[in-house]
Structures are given as C-alpha cells and as structure tokens.
Amino acid sequence: MNEEREDVGLGLVVFKPGTSTATKVRGISFFVLLSAIILAQACYWLFANQVQPIIWGMPFGMFFVVLLIIVEFLALVGLYFSENKDDSL
C-alpha cells in the first residue's frame, strides 16, 4: 500500500496526488472566501461599530455578525453540495 504513494519529500501536501485542477481551484476559492468571512467577523468593529440603524430589532453591529454567520453557512452548504455532486460521478 505504501508503494503506491509518491514520495513528496519534506513539505505540506494539501491535495491528494491526481486531484483535478477544477477541484483544487474550488477548494482554494472556498478556503479564501470562508477565511475572509471569519476575518470580517473578528474585525467587524472596524466598519460596524454603530447602534443605529436598528435592523430586525438588533443593533447594526449585532445584525452584521448574524449576517456574516448566515453567509458563512450558505457558503458551507454550497461547498457541501458541490463536493457531493462530484462524488456521485
């Protein structure tokens, strides 16, 4: 079983050997998107540091955090369905 693996030397292997380019691009794209959303959640106070306006009964800062969580959830659902579609082939 170990004879089938290619010797990659010292380094970090992100994708299995033989992974298609489209799968690599999709994976890297989702990683960058989700990382940007998480960074925006950590630094939201830079651009959402307001109480007014009140949206859906929440101050703007709280609404912005909830909005980012919803966007992140939708991105993860999209990633799940795109990976699920490729596995069925």
N, C-alpha and C. Protein backbone atom coordinates (compact mmCIF):
# COMPACT_ATOMS: atom_id res chain seq x y z
N MET A 1 0.82 -1.19 0.00
CA MET A 1 0.00 0.00 0.00
C MET A 1 0.86 1.25 0.00
N ASN A 2 1.98 1.22 0.71
CA ASN A 2 2.87 2.38 0.72
C ASN A 2 3.61 2.54 -0.59
N GLU A 3 3.68 1.48 -1.37
CA GLU A 3 4.38 1.56 -2.65
C GLU A 3 3.63 2.41 -3.66
N GLU A 4 2.31 2.57 -3.50
CA GLU A 4 1.50 3.35 -4.42
C GLU A 4 1.69 4.85 -4.22
N ARG A 5 2.11 5.27 -3.05
CA ARG A 5 2.26 6.69 -2.76
C ARG A 5 3.52 7.24 -3.41
N GLU A 6 3.40 8.47 -3.90
CA GLU A 6 4.56 9.14 -4.45
C GLU A 6 5.34 9.77 -3.31
N ASP A 7 6.65 9.78 -3.45
CA ASP A 7 7.48 10.42 -2.44
C ASP A 7 7.47 11.92 -2.70
N VAL A 8 6.84 12.67 -1.79
CA VAL A 8 6.73 14.11 -1.96
C VAL A 8 7.82 14.86 -1.22
N GLY A 9 8.62 14.16 -0.45
CA GLY A 9 9.69 14.82 0.28
C GLY A 9 9.15 15.59 1.47
N LEU A 10 9.93 16.56 1.89
CA LEU A 10 9.52 17.39 3.01
C LEU A 10 8.61 18.48 2.50
N GLY A 11 7.51 18.66 3.16
CA GLY A 11 6.59 19.70 2.75
C GLY A 11 5.18 19.38 3.19
N LEU A 12 4.29 20.26 2.83
CA LEU A 12 2.89 20.13 3.19
C LEU A 12 2.10 19.72 1.96
N VAL A 13 1.36 18.64 2.06
CA VAL A 13 0.53 18.17 0.96
C VAL A 13 -0.90 18.62 1.25
N VAL A 14 -1.44 19.47 0.39
CA VAL A 14 -2.78 19.99 0.60
C VAL A 14 -3.80 19.13 -0.13
N PHE A 15 -3.48 18.71 -1.34
CA PHE A 15 -4.39 17.89 -2.13
C PHE A 15 -3.73 16.55 -2.43
N LYS A 16 -4.57 15.52 -2.54
CA LYS A 16 -4.08 14.20 -2.90
C LYS A 16 -3.51 14.23 -4.31
N PRO A 17 -2.48 13.42 -4.58
CA PRO A 17 -1.99 13.35 -5.96
C PRO A 17 -3.10 12.87 -6.90
N GLY A 18 -3.21 13.49 -8.06
CA GLY A 18 -4.23 13.11 -9.02
C GLY A 18 -5.51 13.91 -8.89
N THR A 19 -5.56 14.88 -7.98
CA THR A 19 -6.74 15.71 -7.83
C THR A 19 -6.85 16.64 -9.04
N SER A 20 -8.05 16.78 -9.58
CA SER A 20 -8.23 17.60 -10.77
C SER A 20 -8.04 19.07 -10.44
N THR A 21 -7.70 19.83 -11.47
CA THR A 21 -7.46 21.26 -11.29
C THR A 21 -8.73 21.99 -10.85
N ALA A 22 -9.88 21.60 -11.39
CA ALA A 22 -11.14 22.24 -11.01
C ALA A 22 -11.42 22.04 -9.52
N THR A 23 -11.15 20.86 -9.01
CA THR A 23 -11.36 20.59 -7.58
C THR A 23 -10.41 21.41 -6.73
N LYS A 24 -9.17 21.56 -7.18
CA LYS A 24 -8.20 22.37 -6.44
C LYS A 24 -8.63 23.83 -6.41
N VAL A 25 -9.05 24.36 -7.55
CA VAL A 25 -9.47 25.76 -7.62
C VAL A 25 -10.69 25.99 -6.74
N ARG A 26 -11.65 25.08 -6.78
CA ARG A 26 -12.85 25.21 -5.95
C ARG A 26 -12.49 25.17 -4.46
N GLY A 27 -11.62 24.27 -4.09
CA GLY A 27 -11.22 24.16 -2.69
C GLY A 27 -10.49 25.40 -2.19
N ILE A 28 -9.57 25.91 -2.99
CA ILE A 28 -8.83 27.11 -2.60
C ILE A 28 -9.76 28.32 -2.56
N SER A 29 -10.69 28.40 -3.52
CA SER A 29 -11.64 29.52 -3.55
C SER A 29 -12.52 29.54 -2.30
N PHE A 30 -13.05 28.38 -1.92
CA PHE A 30 -13.88 28.33 -0.72
C PHE A 30 -13.07 28.61 0.53
N PHE A 31 -11.81 28.16 0.56
CA PHE A 31 -10.95 28.44 1.71
C PHE A 31 -10.73 29.94 1.86
N VAL A 32 -10.45 30.62 0.76
CA VAL A 32 -10.22 32.07 0.81
C VAL A 32 -11.51 32.80 1.21
N LEU A 33 -12.64 32.40 0.63
CA LEU A 33 -13.92 33.03 0.96
C LEU A 33 -14.27 32.87 2.44
N LEU A 34 -14.18 31.66 2.94
CA LEU A 34 -14.53 31.41 4.34
C LEU A 34 -13.53 32.07 5.29
N SER A 35 -12.26 32.13 4.91
CA SER A 35 -11.27 32.82 5.74
C SER A 35 -11.56 34.32 5.81
N ALA A 36 -11.98 34.91 4.68
CA ALA A 36 -12.32 36.33 4.66
C ALA A 36 -13.55 36.60 5.54
N ILE A 37 -14.53 35.70 5.51
CA ILE A 37 -15.71 35.89 6.35
C ILE A 37 -15.35 35.80 7.82
N ILE A 38 -14.51 34.86 8.18
CA ILE A 38 -14.09 34.72 9.58
C ILE A 38 -13.28 35.93 10.02
N LEU A 39 -12.41 36.44 9.15
CA LEU A 39 -11.65 37.64 9.47
C LEU A 39 -12.58 38.85 9.63
N ALA A 40 -13.60 38.94 8.79
CA ALA A 40 -14.57 40.03 8.91
C ALA A 40 -15.33 39.92 10.22
N GLN A 41 -15.62 38.71 10.68
CA GLN A 41 -16.29 38.54 11.97
C GLN A 41 -15.39 38.97 13.11
N ALA A 42 -14.10 38.73 12.99
CA ALA A 42 -13.18 39.10 14.07
C ALA A 42 -12.94 40.60 14.11
N CYS A 43 -13.04 41.26 12.97
CA CYS A 43 -12.74 42.69 12.89
C CYS A 43 -13.96 43.51 12.49
N TYR A 44 -15.14 43.03 12.80
CA TYR A 44 -16.35 43.73 12.38
C TYR A 44 -16.46 45.11 12.99
N TRP A 45 -15.87 45.31 14.14
CA TRP A 45 -15.99 46.59 14.84
C TRP A 45 -15.35 47.73 14.06
N LEU A 46 -14.52 47.42 13.06
CA LEU A 46 -13.92 48.47 12.25
C LEU A 46 -14.94 49.18 11.37
N PHE A 47 -15.96 48.44 10.89
CA PHE A 47 -16.92 49.03 9.96
C PHE A 47 -18.36 48.86 10.41
N ALA A 48 -18.60 48.19 11.52
CA ALA A 48 -19.97 48.04 12.01
C ALA A 48 -20.05 48.43 13.47
N ASN A 49 -19.41 49.51 13.82
CA ASN A 49 -19.35 49.95 15.21
C ASN A 49 -20.43 51.01 15.47
N GLN A 50 -21.68 50.61 15.23
CA GLN A 50 -22.79 51.54 15.40
C GLN A 50 -23.97 50.82 16.04
N VAL A 51 -24.75 51.59 16.78
CA VAL A 51 -26.00 51.05 17.31
C VAL A 51 -27.12 51.31 16.31
N GLN A 52 -27.09 52.45 15.69
CA GLN A 52 -28.12 52.82 14.72
C GLN A 52 -27.64 52.46 13.33
N PRO A 53 -28.38 51.99 12.44
CA PRO A 53 -29.81 51.74 12.46
C PRO A 53 -30.13 50.43 13.16
N ILE A 54 -31.36 50.31 13.58
CA ILE A 54 -31.87 49.07 14.17
C ILE A 54 -32.47 48.25 13.03
N ILE A 55 -31.94 47.05 12.82
CA ILE A 55 -32.40 46.18 11.74
C ILE A 55 -32.91 44.89 12.38
N TRP A 56 -34.16 44.54 12.07
CA TRP A 56 -34.81 43.35 12.61
C TRP A 56 -34.73 43.32 14.14
N GLY A 57 -34.79 44.47 14.75
CA GLY A 57 -34.78 44.57 16.20
C GLY A 57 -33.41 44.43 16.83
N MET A 58 -32.36 44.42 16.01
CA MET A 58 -31.00 44.28 16.53
C MET A 58 -30.20 45.53 16.18
N PRO A 59 -29.26 45.92 17.04
CA PRO A 59 -28.35 46.99 16.65
C PRO A 59 -27.54 46.56 15.42
N PHE A 60 -27.04 47.54 14.67
CA PHE A 60 -26.36 47.23 13.41
C PHE A 60 -25.17 46.31 13.61
N GLY A 61 -24.40 46.49 14.68
CA GLY A 61 -23.23 45.63 14.92
C GLY A 61 -23.63 44.18 15.10
N MET A 62 -24.69 43.92 15.87
CA MET A 62 -25.16 42.55 16.08
C MET A 62 -25.75 41.98 14.80
N PHE A 63 -26.50 42.79 14.06
CA PHE A 63 -27.06 42.34 12.79
C PHE A 63 -25.96 41.93 11.82
N PHE A 64 -24.87 42.70 11.81
CA PHE A 64 -23.78 42.41 10.90
C PHE A 64 -23.14 41.06 11.22
N VAL A 65 -22.95 40.76 12.49
CA VAL A 65 -22.39 39.46 12.89
C VAL A 65 -23.32 38.32 12.48
N VAL A 66 -24.62 38.49 12.72
CA VAL A 66 -25.60 37.47 12.34
C VAL A 66 -25.60 37.29 10.82
N LEU A 67 -25.52 38.39 10.08
CA LEU A 67 -25.48 38.32 8.62
C LEU A 67 -24.26 37.55 8.13
N LEU A 68 -23.09 37.78 8.74
CA LEU A 68 -21.89 37.05 8.33
C LEU A 68 -22.00 35.56 8.65
N ILE A 69 -22.63 35.21 9.76
CA ILE A 69 -22.82 33.80 10.10
C ILE A 69 -23.74 33.14 9.08
N ILE A 70 -24.79 33.83 8.66
CA ILE A 70 -25.70 33.28 7.64
C ILE A 70 -24.97 33.11 6.31
N VAL A 71 -24.17 34.09 5.92
CA VAL A 71 -23.42 34.00 4.66
C VAL A 71 -22.43 32.83 4.73
N GLU A 72 -21.76 32.66 5.86
CA GLU A 72 -20.82 31.56 6.02
C GLU A 72 -21.54 30.21 5.94
N PHE A 73 -22.71 30.11 6.55
CA PHE A 73 -23.49 28.87 6.48
C PHE A 73 -23.87 28.56 5.03
N LEU A 74 -24.33 29.57 4.29
CA LEU A 74 -24.71 29.34 2.90
C LEU A 74 -23.50 28.94 2.04
N ALA A 75 -22.34 29.50 2.32
CA ALA A 75 -21.12 29.11 1.60
C ALA A 75 -20.76 27.66 1.90
N LEU A 76 -20.89 27.25 3.16
CA LEU A 76 -20.60 25.85 3.51
C LEU A 76 -21.60 24.89 2.88
N VAL A 77 -22.87 25.28 2.80
CA VAL A 77 -23.87 24.45 2.14
C VAL A 77 -23.54 24.32 0.65
N GLY A 78 -23.14 25.43 0.03
CA GLY A 78 -22.73 25.39 -1.37
C GLY A 78 -21.53 24.48 -1.59
N LEU A 79 -20.55 24.54 -0.69
CA LEU A 79 -19.39 23.66 -0.78
C LEU A 79 -19.79 22.20 -0.62
N TYR A 80 -20.68 21.93 0.33
CA TYR A 80 -21.13 20.55 0.55
C TYR A 80 -21.81 19.98 -0.70
N PHE A 81 -22.72 20.76 -1.28
CA PHE A 81 -23.42 20.26 -2.46
C PHE A 81 -22.52 20.15 -3.68
N SER A 82 -21.53 21.04 -3.82
CA SER A 82 -20.62 20.94 -4.96
C SER A 82 -19.70 19.73 -4.81
N GLU A 83 -19.27 19.40 -3.60
CA GLU A 83 -18.44 18.21 -3.38
C GLU A 83 -19.28 16.94 -3.51
N ASN A 84 -20.52 17.00 -3.02
CA ASN A 84 -21.41 15.85 -3.10
C ASN A 84 -21.71 15.51 -4.56
N LYS A 85 -21.85 16.53 -5.40
CA LYS A 85 -22.14 16.32 -6.82
C LYS A 85 -20.96 15.61 -7.49
N ASP A 86 -19.71 15.98 -7.15
CA ASP A 86 -18.54 15.35 -7.75
C ASP A 86 -18.34 13.91 -7.28
N ASP A 87 -18.71 13.61 -6.04
CA ASP A 87 -18.52 12.26 -5.51
C ASP A 87 -19.46 11.25 -6.15
N SER A 88 -20.61 11.71 -6.63
CA SER A 88 -21.59 10.78 -7.20
C SER A 88 -21.21 10.31 -8.60
N LEU A 89 -20.23 10.98 -9.23
CA LEU A 89 -19.83 10.58 -10.58
C LEU A 89 -19.03 9.32 -10.58
